[in-house]
C-alpha atoms as a PDB file:
ATOM      1  CA  MET A   1     -12.892  10.413 -30.729  1.00  0.00           C
ATOM      2  CA  HIS A   2     -14.223   8.430 -33.627  1.00  0.00           C
ATOM      3  CA  PHE A   3     -13.012  11.147 -36.028  1.00  0.00           C
ATOM      4  CA  ILE A   4      -9.598  11.158 -34.288  1.00  0.00           C
ATOM      5  CA  LYS A   5      -9.257   7.526 -34.612  1.00  0.00           C
ATOM      6  CA  GLN A   6     -10.173   7.473 -38.242  1.00  0.00           C
ATOM      7  CA  TYR A   7      -7.711  10.343 -38.835  1.00  0.00           C
ATOM      8  CA  ILE A   8      -4.802   8.538 -37.214  1.00  0.00           C
ATOM      9  CA  THR A   9      -5.486   5.127 -39.010  1.00  0.00           C
ATOM     10  CA  GLN A  10      -5.836   6.822 -42.303  1.00  0.00           C
ATOM     11  CA  CYS A  11      -2.482   8.635 -41.686  1.00  0.00           C
ATOM     12  CA  LEU A  12      -0.935   5.186 -41.067  1.00  0.00           C
ATOM     13  CA  SER A  13      -2.494   3.970 -44.162  1.00  0.00           C
ATOM     14  CA  ALA A  14      -1.089   6.802 -46.223  1.00  0.00           C
ATOM     15  CA  ALA A  15       2.368   6.204 -44.873  1.00  0.00           C
ATOM     16  CA  ALA A  16       2.166   2.440 -45.305  1.00  0.00           C
ATOM     17  CA  ASN A  17       1.120   3.219 -49.024  1.00  0.00           C
ATOM     18  CA  SER A  18       4.473   4.938 -49.388  1.00  0.00           C
ATOM     19  CA  LEU A  19       6.375   1.770 -48.574  1.00  0.00           C
ATOM     20  CA  ARG A  20       6.758  -1.540 -50.334  1.00  0.00           C
ATOM     21  CA  LEU A  21       5.347  -3.888 -48.004  1.00  0.00           C
ATOM     22  CA  SER A  22       5.347  -7.637 -47.564  1.00  0.00           C
ATOM     23  CA  THR A  23       2.263  -9.824 -46.612  1.00  0.00           C
ATOM     24  CA  GLN A  24       3.500  -9.899 -42.918  1.00  0.00           C
ATOM     25  CA  GLN A  25       4.063  -6.143 -42.865  1.00  0.00           C
ATOM     26  CA  ILE A  26       0.679  -5.433 -44.313  1.00  0.00           C
ATOM     27  CA  GLU A  27      -0.726  -7.629 -41.297  1.00  0.00           C
ATOM     28  CA  ILE A  28       1.144  -5.492 -38.707  1.00  0.00           C
ATOM     29  CA  VAL A  29      -0.149  -2.348 -40.174  1.00  0.00           C
ATOM     30  CA  ALA A  30      -3.798  -3.786 -39.981  1.00  0.00           C
ATOM     31  CA  LEU A  31      -3.138  -5.033 -36.460  1.00  0.00           C
ATOM     32  CA  LEU A  32      -1.948  -1.482 -35.412  1.00  0.00           C
ATOM     33  CA  LYS A  33      -4.964   0.223 -36.976  1.00  0.00           C
ATOM     34  CA  GLU A  34      -7.211  -2.296 -35.504  1.00  0.00           C
ATOM     35  CA  GLU A  35      -5.767  -1.612 -31.860  1.00  0.00           C
ATOM     36  CA  ILE A  36      -6.206   2.084 -32.562  1.00  0.00           C
ATOM     37  CA  LEU A  37      -9.823   1.903 -33.578  1.00  0.00           C
ATOM     38  CA  SER A  38     -10.777  -0.444 -30.810  1.00  0.00           C
ATOM     39  CA  SER A  39      -8.804   1.467 -28.062  1.00  0.00           C
ATOM     40  CA  PRO A  40     -11.057   2.664 -25.081  1.00  0.00           C
ATOM     41  CA  ASP A  41      -8.492   5.142 -24.113  1.00  0.00           C
ATOM     42  CA  LEU A  42      -6.280   5.983 -26.988  1.00  0.00           C
ATOM     43  CA  GLU A  43      -4.222   8.547 -25.231  1.00  0.00           C
ATOM     44  CA  GLU A  44      -3.372   6.148 -22.474  1.00  0.00           C
ATOM     45  CA  ASP A  45      -2.661   3.230 -24.993  1.00  0.00           C
ATOM     46  CA  ILE A  46      -0.224   5.713 -26.966  1.00  0.00           C
ATOM     47  CA  ARG A  47       1.411   6.415 -23.645  1.00  0.00           C
ATOM     48  CA  MET A  48       1.937   2.781 -23.060  1.00  0.00           C
ATOM     49  CA  MET A  49       3.306   2.276 -26.633  1.00  0.00           C
ATOM     50  CA  LYS A  50       6.125   4.476 -25.729  1.00  0.00           C
ATOM     51  CA  LYS A  51       7.409   2.225 -23.096  1.00  0.00           C
ATOM     52  CA  ILE A  52       7.629  -0.652 -25.925  1.00  0.00           C
ATOM     53  CA  THR A  53      10.982  -0.585 -27.464  1.00  0.00           C
ATOM     54  CA  GLU A  54       9.624  -1.547 -31.026  1.00  0.00           C
ATOM     55  CA  LEU A  55       6.717   1.014 -30.814  1.00  0.00           C
ATOM     56  CA  SER A  56       8.396   4.010 -28.830  1.00  0.00           C
ATOM     57  CA  THR A  57       9.600   6.286 -31.664  1.00  0.00           C
ATOM     58  CA  LEU A  58       6.321   5.606 -33.707  1.00  0.00           C
ATOM     59  CA  ALA A  59       4.158   6.131 -30.568  1.00  0.00           C
ATOM     60  CA  ILE A  60       5.821   9.563 -30.049  1.00  0.00           C
ATOM     61  CA  LYS A  61       4.607  10.674 -33.661  1.00  0.00           C
ATOM     62  CA  LEU A  62       1.221   9.231 -32.933  1.00  0.00           C
ATOM     63  CA  GLY A  63       1.040  11.247 -29.666  1.00  0.00           C
ATOM     64  CA  GLU A  64       1.918  14.433 -31.452  1.00  0.00           C
ATOM     65  CA  ILE A  65      -0.959  13.729 -33.982  1.00  0.00           C
ATOM     66  CA  LEU A  66      -3.421  12.960 -31.217  1.00  0.00           C
ATOM     67  CA  ASN A  67      -2.334  16.137 -29.229  1.00  0.00           C
ATOM     68  CA  TYR A  68      -2.916  18.328 -32.319  1.00  0.00           C
ATOM     69  CA  LEU A  69      -6.394  16.773 -32.859  1.00  0.00           C
ATOM     70  CA  GLU A  70      -7.398  17.154 -29.392  1.00  0.00           C
ATOM     71  CA  ASN A  71      -5.902  20.522 -28.325  1.00  0.00           C
ATOM     72  CA  GLY A  72      -4.783  22.330 -31.442  1.00  0.00           C
ATOM     73  CA  THR A  73      -6.823  24.801 -33.610  1.00  0.00           C
ATOM     74  CA  ILE A  74      -7.801  22.823 -36.650  1.00  0.00           C
ATOM     75  CA  ASP A  75      -7.789  24.977 -40.018  1.00  0.00           C
ATOM     76  CA  PHE A  76     -10.284  23.082 -42.212  1.00  0.00           C
ATOM     77  CA  PHE A  77      -9.019  25.089 -45.217  1.00  0.00           C
ATOM     78  CA  LYS A  78      -5.421  23.579 -44.727  1.00  0.00           C
ATOM     79  CA  VAL A  79      -6.476  20.039 -43.126  1.00  0.00           C
ATOM     80  CA  SER A  80      -5.561  18.146 -46.333  1.00  0.00           C
ATOM     81  CA  GLU A  81      -1.883  19.651 -46.299  1.00  0.00           C
ATOM     82  CA  ILE A  82      -1.683  18.979 -42.624  1.00  0.00           C
ATOM     83  CA  PHE A  83      -2.872  15.419 -43.046  1.00  0.00           C
ATOM     84  CA  LYS A  84      -0.026  14.738 -45.792  1.00  0.00           C
ATOM     85  CA  ASP A  85       2.499  16.152 -43.333  1.00  0.00           C
ATOM     86  CA  HIS A  86       1.365  13.948 -40.483  1.00  0.00           C
ATOM     87  CA  SER A  87       1.424  10.994 -42.806  1.00  0.00           C
ATOM     88  CA  ARG A  88       4.921  11.908 -44.259  1.00  0.00           C
ATOM     89  CA  ASN A  89       6.262  12.135 -40.627  1.00  0.00           C
ATOM     90  CA  LEU A  90       5.117   8.565 -39.703  1.00  0.00           C
ATOM     91  CA  ILE A  91       6.753   6.859 -42.684  1.00  0.00           C
ATOM     92  CA  ARG A  92      10.413   6.578 -41.252  1.00  0.00           C
ATOM     93  CA  ASP A  93       9.335   5.340 -37.900  1.00  0.00           C
ATOM     94  CA  LEU A  94       6.510   2.960 -39.381  1.00  0.00           C
ATOM     95  CA  SER A  95       9.221   1.645 -41.681  1.00  0.00           C
ATOM     96  CA  ILE A  96      11.571   0.966 -38.727  1.00  0.00           C
ATOM     97  CA  LEU A  97       8.859  -0.915 -36.786  1.00  0.00           C
ATOM     98  CA  LEU A  98       7.906  -2.972 -39.762  1.00  0.00           C
ATOM     99  CA  GLU A  99      11.528  -4.000 -40.371  1.00  0.00           C
ATOM    100  CA  SER A 100      12.083  -4.783 -36.659  1.00  0.00           C
ATOM    101  CA  THR A 101       9.275  -7.208 -35.979  1.00  0.00           C
ATOM    102  CA  ASN A 102       6.680  -9.630 -37.294  1.00  0.00           C
ATOM    103  CA  PRO A 103       3.018 -10.337 -36.670  1.00  0.00           C
ATOM    104  CA  SER A 104       3.571 -12.717 -33.891  1.00  0.00           C
ATOM    105  CA  SER A 105       6.098 -10.458 -31.918  1.00  0.00           C
ATOM    106  CA  PHE A 106       3.856  -7.483 -32.761  1.00  0.00           C
ATOM    107  CA  LYS A 107       0.894  -9.044 -31.317  1.00  0.00           C
ATOM    108  CA  ALA A 108       2.823  -9.910 -28.087  1.00  0.00           C
ATOM    109  CA  SER A 109       3.884  -6.234 -27.910  1.00  0.00           C
ATOM    110  CA  LEU A 110       0.136  -5.295 -28.146  1.00  0.00           C
ATOM    111  CA  ASP A 111      -0.609  -7.713 -25.196  1.00  0.00           C
ATOM    112  CA  ASN A 112       2.297  -6.113 -23.340  1.00  0.00           C
ATOM    113  CA  ILE A 113       0.593  -2.823 -23.769  1.00  0.00           C
ATOM    114  CA  LYS A 114      -2.775  -4.407 -22.404  1.00  0.00           C
ATOM    115  CA  ASN A 115      -0.898  -5.711 -19.295  1.00  0.00           C
ATOM    116  CA  LEU A 116       0.904  -2.359 -18.684  1.00  0.00           C
ATOM    117  CA  SER A 117      -2.302  -0.612 -18.851  1.00  0.00           C
ATOM    118  CA  SER A 118      -4.064  -2.921 -16.633  1.00  0.00           C
ATOM    119  CA  ASP A 119      -1.327  -2.690 -13.926  1.00  0.00           C
ATOM    120  CA  LEU A 120      -1.556   0.976 -14.101  1.00  0.00           C
ATOM    121  CA  LYS A 121      -5.271   1.017 -13.727  1.00  0.00           C
ATOM    122  CA  GLU A 122      -4.922  -1.212 -10.683  1.00  0.00           C
ATOM    123  CA  VAL A 123      -2.282   1.229  -9.043  1.00  0.00           C
ATOM    124  CA  LYS A 124      -4.575   4.081  -9.811  1.00  0.00           C
ATOM    125  CA  LYS A 125      -7.468   2.265  -8.263  1.00  0.00           C
ATOM    126  CA  GLN A 126      -5.435   1.600  -5.235  1.00  0.00           C
ATOM    127  CA  ASN A 127      -4.161   5.153  -5.064  1.00  0.00           C
ATOM    128  CA  PHE A 128      -7.780   6.298  -5.439  1.00  0.00           C
ATOM    129  CA  SER A 129      -8.791   4.129  -2.472  1.00  0.00           C
ATOM    130  CA  LYS A 130      -5.974   5.406  -0.124  1.00  0.00           C
ATOM    131  CA  ASN A 131      -6.956   9.009  -1.022  1.00  0.00           C
ATOM    132  CA  ILE A 132     -10.576   8.327  -0.151  1.00  0.00           C
ATOM    133  CA  ALA A 133      -9.607   6.870   3.191  1.00  0.00           C
ATOM    134  CA  LEU A 134      -7.555  10.102   3.852  1.00  0.00           C
ATOM    135  CA  GLN A 135     -10.567  12.395   3.592  1.00  0.00           C
ATOM    136  CA  SER A 136     -11.261  12.056   7.225  1.00  0.00           C
ATOM    137  CA  GLU A 137      -7.935  13.361   8.170  1.00  0.00           C
ATOM    138  CA  PHE A 138      -7.422  16.196   5.759  1.00  0.00           C
ATOM    139  CA  GLU A 139      -9.588  19.001   4.552  1.00  0.00           C
ATOM    140  CA  SER A 140     -10.985  18.700   1.060  1.00  0.00           C
ATOM    141  CA  ASP A 141      -8.774  21.288  -0.500  1.00  0.00           C
ATOM    142  CA  ARG A 142      -5.594  19.771   0.937  1.00  0.00           C
ATOM    143  CA  LEU A 143      -6.719  16.323  -0.389  1.00  0.00           C
ATOM    144  CA  LYS A 144      -7.193  17.613  -3.901  1.00  0.00           C
ATOM    145  CA  GLU A 145      -3.905  19.435  -3.917  1.00  0.00           C
ATOM    146  CA  LYS A 146      -2.127  16.147  -2.796  1.00  0.00           C
ATOM    147  CA  PHE A 147      -3.972  14.277  -5.494  1.00  0.00           C
ATOM    148  CA  ILE A 148      -2.962  16.749  -8.266  1.00  0.00           C
ATOM    149  CA  LEU A 149       0.645  16.973  -7.205  1.00  0.00           C
ATOM    150  CA  GLU A 150       1.134  13.252  -7.011  1.00  0.00           C
ATOM    151  CA  ASP A 151      -0.338  12.766 -10.456  1.00  0.00           C
ATOM    152  CA  GLU A 152       2.123  11.903 -13.177  1.00  0.00           C
ATOM    153  CA  PHE A 153       3.576  15.165 -14.575  1.00  0.00           C
ATOM    154  CA  GLU A 154       6.588  13.831 -16.409  1.00  0.00           C
ATOM    155  CA  ASP A 155       6.736  14.504 -20.094  1.00  0.00           C
ATOM    156  CA  ASP A 156       7.375  11.163 -21.555  1.00  0.00           C
ATOM    157  CA  GLU A 157       8.955  12.733 -24.772  1.00  0.00           C
ATOM    158  CA  LEU A 158      11.430  14.785 -22.723  1.00  0.00           C
ATOM    159  CA  LEU A 159      12.492  11.893 -20.708  1.00  0.00           C
ATOM    160  CA  LEU A 160      13.022   9.734 -23.782  1.00  0.00           C
ATOM    161  CA  GLN A 161      15.083  12.482 -25.454  1.00  0.00           C
ATOM    162  CA  GLN A 162      17.352  12.686 -22.285  1.00  0.00           C
ATOM    163  CA  TYR A 163      17.546   8.884 -22.184  1.00  0.00           C
ATOM    164  CA  GLU A 164      18.730   8.796 -25.946  1.00  0.00           C
ATOM    165  CA  ALA A 165      21.271  11.531 -25.134  1.00  0.00           C
ATOM    166  CA  ASN A 166      22.775   9.577 -22.539  1.00  0.00           C
ATOM    167  CA  ILE A 167      22.869   6.444 -24.500  1.00  0.00           C
ATOM    168  CA  LEU A 168      24.629   8.079 -27.407  1.00  0.00           C
ATOM    169  CA  SER A 169      27.076  10.300 -25.460  1.00  0.00           C
ATOM    170  CA  PRO A 170      29.708   7.711 -24.706  1.00  0.00           C
ATOM    171  CA  ILE A 171      29.707   5.659 -28.060  1.00  0.00           C
ATOM    172  CA  LYS A 172      32.206   7.654 -30.075  1.00  0.00           C
ATOM    173  CA  GLN A 173      34.688   7.914 -27.405  1.00  0.00           C
ATOM    174  CA  PHE A 174      34.269   4.295 -26.496  1.00  0.00           C
ATOM    175  CA  ASP A 175      34.573   3.225 -30.239  1.00  0.00           C
ATOM    176  CA  GLU A 176      37.950   4.734 -30.357  1.00  0.00           C
ATOM    177  CA  PHE A 177      38.953   3.146 -27.001  1.00  0.00           C
ATOM    178  CA  LEU A 178      38.184  -0.277 -28.768  1.00  0.00           C
ATOM    179  CA  ASN A 179      41.120   0.311 -30.858  1.00  0.00           C
ATOM    180  CA  ARG A 180      43.418   0.991 -27.913  1.00  0.00           C
ATOM    181  CA  ILE A 181      42.021  -2.460 -26.311  1.00  0.00           C
ATOM    182  CA  TYR A 182      42.852  -4.257 -29.468  1.00  0.00           C
ATOM    183  CA  SER A 183      46.464  -2.658 -29.311  1.00  0.00           C
ATOM    184  CA  ASP A 184      46.797  -3.517 -25.607  1.00  0.00           C
ATOM    185  CA  ASP A 185      47.211   0.301 -25.086  1.00  0.00           C
ATOM    186  CA  TYR A 186      44.900   0.893 -22.067  1.00  0.00           C
ATOM    187  CA  GLU A 187      44.674   0.997 -18.286  1.00  0.00           C
ATOM    188  CA  SER A 188      42.541  -1.155 -16.044  1.00  0.00           C
ATOM    189  CA  GLU A 189      40.773   1.884 -14.701  1.00  0.00           C
ATOM    190  CA  GLU A 190      39.620   2.835 -18.098  1.00  0.00           C
ATOM    191  CA  ILE A 191      37.851  -0.362 -18.545  1.00  0.00           C
ATOM    192  CA  SER A 192      36.253  -0.023 -15.217  1.00  0.00           C
ATOM    193  CA  TYR A 193      35.082   3.448 -16.141  1.00  0.00           C
ATOM    194  CA  TYR A 194      33.252   2.078 -19.246  1.00  0.00           C
ATOM    195  CA  ILE A 195      31.899  -1.075 -17.373  1.00  0.00           C
ATOM    196  CA  ASN A 196      30.190   1.696 -15.020  1.00  0.00           C
ATOM    197  CA  ILE A 197      28.871   3.504 -17.997  1.00  0.00           C
ATOM    198  CA  PHE A 198      27.473   0.726 -19.710  1.00  0.00           C
ATOM    199  CA  SER A 199      26.059  -0.857 -16.504  1.00  0.00           C
ATOM    200  CA  ASN A 200      24.096   2.501 -15.863  1.00  0.00           C
ATOM    201  CA  ASN A 201      22.834   2.738 -19.329  1.00  0.00           C
ATOM    202  CA  LEU A 202      21.862  -0.997 -19.196  1.00  0.00           C
ATOM    203  CA  ASN A 203      19.720  -0.233 -16.088  1.00  0.00           C
ATOM    204  CA  SER A 204      18.141   2.827 -17.842  1.00  0.00           C
ATOM    205  CA  SER A 205      17.316   0.728 -20.952  1.00  0.00           C
ATOM    206  CA  LYS A 206      15.406  -1.802 -18.923  1.00  0.00           C
ATOM    207  CA  LYS A 207      13.648   0.934 -16.938  1.00  0.00           C
ATOM    208  CA  PHE A 208      12.219   2.342 -20.231  1.00  0.00           C
ATOM    209  CA  GLY A 209      11.532  -1.191 -21.555  1.00  0.00           C
ATOM    210  CA  PHE A 210      14.063  -1.077 -24.397  1.00  0.00           C
ATOM    211  CA  ASP A 211      15.102  -4.728 -24.091  1.00  0.00           C
ATOM    212  CA  LEU A 212      17.129  -5.020 -27.279  1.00  0.00           C
ATOM    213  CA  ILE A 213      19.196  -1.964 -26.258  1.00  0.00           C
ATOM    214  CA  ALA A 214      19.525  -3.234 -22.837  1.00  0.00           C
ATOM    215  CA  ASN A 215      20.806  -6.681 -24.307  1.00  0.00           C
ATOM    216  CA  MET A 216      23.416  -4.858 -26.317  1.00  0.00           C
ATOM    217  CA  HIS A 217      24.626  -2.819 -23.205  1.00  0.00           C
ATOM    218  CA  SER A 218      24.764  -6.110 -21.133  1.00  0.00           C
ATOM    219  CA  THR A 219      26.885  -7.919 -23.805  1.00  0.00           C
ATOM    220  CA  ILE A 220      29.298  -4.997 -23.957  1.00  0.00           C
ATOM    221  CA  LYS A 221      29.478  -4.841 -20.138  1.00  0.00           C
ATOM    222  CA  GLY A 222      29.973  -8.508 -19.836  1.00  0.00           C
ATOM    223  CA  SER A 223      32.703  -8.394 -22.445  1.00  0.00           C
ATOM    224  CA  LEU A 224      34.660  -5.692 -20.909  1.00  0.00           C
ATOM    225  CA  GLU A 225      34.612  -7.425 -17.419  1.00  0.00           C
ATOM    226  CA  LEU A 226      36.056 -10.717 -19.133  1.00  0.00           C
ATOM    227  CA  ILE A 227      38.768  -8.592 -20.942  1.00  0.00           C
ATOM    228  CA  LYS A 228      39.540  -6.771 -17.717  1.00  0.00           C
ATOM    229  CA  TYR A 229      40.187 -10.070 -15.845  1.00  0.00           C
ATOM    230  CA  LYS A 230      42.019 -11.644 -18.786  1.00  0.00           C
ATOM    231  CA  LYS A 231      39.215 -14.224 -19.257  1.00  0.00           C
ATOM    232  CA  LEU A 232      38.535 -12.997 -22.923  1.00  0.00           C
ATOM    233  CA  ASN A 233      41.115 -12.279 -25.485  1.00  0.00           C
ATOM    234  CA  PRO A 234      40.243  -8.946 -27.357  1.00  0.00           C
ATOM    235  CA  ASP A 235      41.139 -10.156 -30.661  1.00  0.00           C
ATOM    236  CA  LYS A 236      39.755  -8.603 -33.890  1.00  0.00           C
ATOM    237  CA  GLU A 237      36.690 -10.746 -33.950  1.00  0.00           C
ATOM    238  CA  VAL A 238      35.769  -9.936 -30.446  1.00  0.00           C
ATOM    239  CA  ILE A 239      36.473  -6.227 -31.017  1.00  0.00           C
ATOM    240  CA  ASP A 240      34.342  -6.327 -34.245  1.00  0.00           C
ATOM    241  CA  CYS A 241      31.598  -7.831 -32.214  1.00  0.00           C
ATOM    242  CA  ILE A 242      31.514  -5.269 -29.459  1.00  0.00           C
ATOM    243  CA  ARG A 243      31.423  -2.648 -32.199  1.00  0.00           C
ATOM    244  CA  ALA A 244      28.501  -4.431 -33.755  1.00  0.00           C
ATOM    245  CA  CYS A 245      26.715  -3.954 -30.581  1.00  0.00           C
ATOM    246  CA  LEU A 246      27.528  -0.172 -30.600  1.00  0.00           C
ATOM    247  CA  ILE A 247      26.213   0.012 -34.253  1.00  0.00           C
ATOM    248  CA  VAL A 248      22.781  -1.659 -33.183  1.00  0.00           C
ATOM    249  CA  ILE A 249      22.500   0.722 -30.217  1.00  0.00           C
ATOM    250  CA  ALA A 250      23.140   3.773 -32.451  1.00  0.00           C
ATOM    251  CA  ALA A 251      21.093   2.666 -35.380  1.00  0.00           C
ATOM    252  CA  ILE A 252      17.923   2.193 -32.993  1.00  0.00           C
ATOM    253  CA  ILE A 253      18.393   5.362 -31.038  1.00  0.00           C
ATOM    254  CA  LYS A 254      19.111   7.423 -34.315  1.00  0.00           C
ATOM    255  CA  ARG A 255      16.208   5.597 -36.170  1.00  0.00           C
ATOM    256  CA  LYS A 256      18.258   4.578 -39.114  1.00  0.00           C
ATOM    257  CA  ASN A 257      16.288   2.990 -41.771  1.00  0.00           C
ATOM    258  CA  ILE A 258      19.101   0.220 -42.637  1.00  0.00           C
ATOM    259  CA  ASP A 259      19.374  -3.435 -42.372  1.00  0.00           C
ATOM    260  CA  ILE A 260      21.158  -4.290 -39.081  1.00  0.00           C
ATOM    261  CA  THR A 261      20.895  -8.092 -39.387  1.00  0.00           C
ATOM    262  CA  ASN A 262      24.493  -8.746 -39.762  1.00  0.00           C
ATOM    263  CA  PHE A 263      25.332  -6.573 -36.761  1.00  0.00           C
ATOM    264  CA  LEU A 264      22.626  -8.337 -34.682  1.00  0.00           C
ATOM    265  CA  ASN A 265      24.100 -11.801 -35.540  1.00  0.00           C
ATOM    266  CA  LYS A 266      27.473 -10.646 -34.417  1.00  0.00           C
ATOM    267  CA  ALA A 267      26.128  -9.254 -31.217  1.00  0.00           C
ATOM    268  CA  ASP A 268      24.329 -12.498 -30.676  1.00  0.00           C
ATOM    269  CA  SER A 269      27.425 -14.275 -31.411  1.00  0.00           C
ATOM    270  CA  LEU A 270      29.420 -12.523 -28.726  1.00  0.00           C
ATOM    271  CA  SER A 271      26.624 -12.800 -26.214  1.00  0.00           C
ATOM    272  CA  ARG A 272      26.686 -16.574 -26.538  1.00  0.00           C
ATOM    273  CA  LYS A 273      30.463 -16.626 -26.338  1.00  0.00           C
ATOM    274  CA  ILE A 274      30.769 -14.612 -22.954  1.00  0.00           C
ATOM    275  CA  SER A 275      27.591 -16.366 -21.399  1.00  0.00           C
ATOM    276  CA  SER A 276      29.541 -19.418 -20.554  1.00  0.00           C
ATOM    277  CA  ARG A 277      32.376 -17.398 -19.019  1.00  0.00           C
ATOM    278  CA  LEU A 278      30.702 -14.938 -16.728  1.00  0.00           C
END
């Protein structure tokens, strides 16, 4: 495991060296490497990282590297080329992470991982105790079968891909619908349809722990509800702000390495505007 941790942290260093980093961003990279090197269960910690919005996409790539090192057949004649490929594959997602966080919020994310891991260990401990208590009622083979079948088998990456597809699916059509709202060329049922969609995606985002994406969906949903009941005038500014929420969602899901500060500011402005009316 020591070799694996060294390999992954050096991949991160190589990826970081390809970027022009500020002092704060260098500190974030150092914190991430320290977390990996000190992890008592790296596979579990990476799995927990996938549940944190800012770390999820990078964690998927780290998980792929870990899986290769633990389960793949390593060709030592090509290990240098493979290392370069692994490092290059980290650059984009590492850059997105560094642009979307700061040392303080990143430390909070790491603390969140520890809390999630602690909660999971407690649940597993409780489940283990329950399984032991059942030994007097079930034969050993049936108990083992139950334990195996109840263990987590869901592929986090596949679930995340399905989630991302569901989030992106309505965006283009809804973007066109915004033009019709602005032109007052729509039916009340159409708004209700999109309120339902963004409500479902809001709940999905919360379930996956993607707080920023959840906030964008909440703002869109709240705005549509106010427009539906004539409590918010869908003027150009409001429509632009709703569209800004869409852009933030798409930029995060598609992992676009662009500055979305202006769009975040517009989304935040709309959120404050509707909060007093809901």
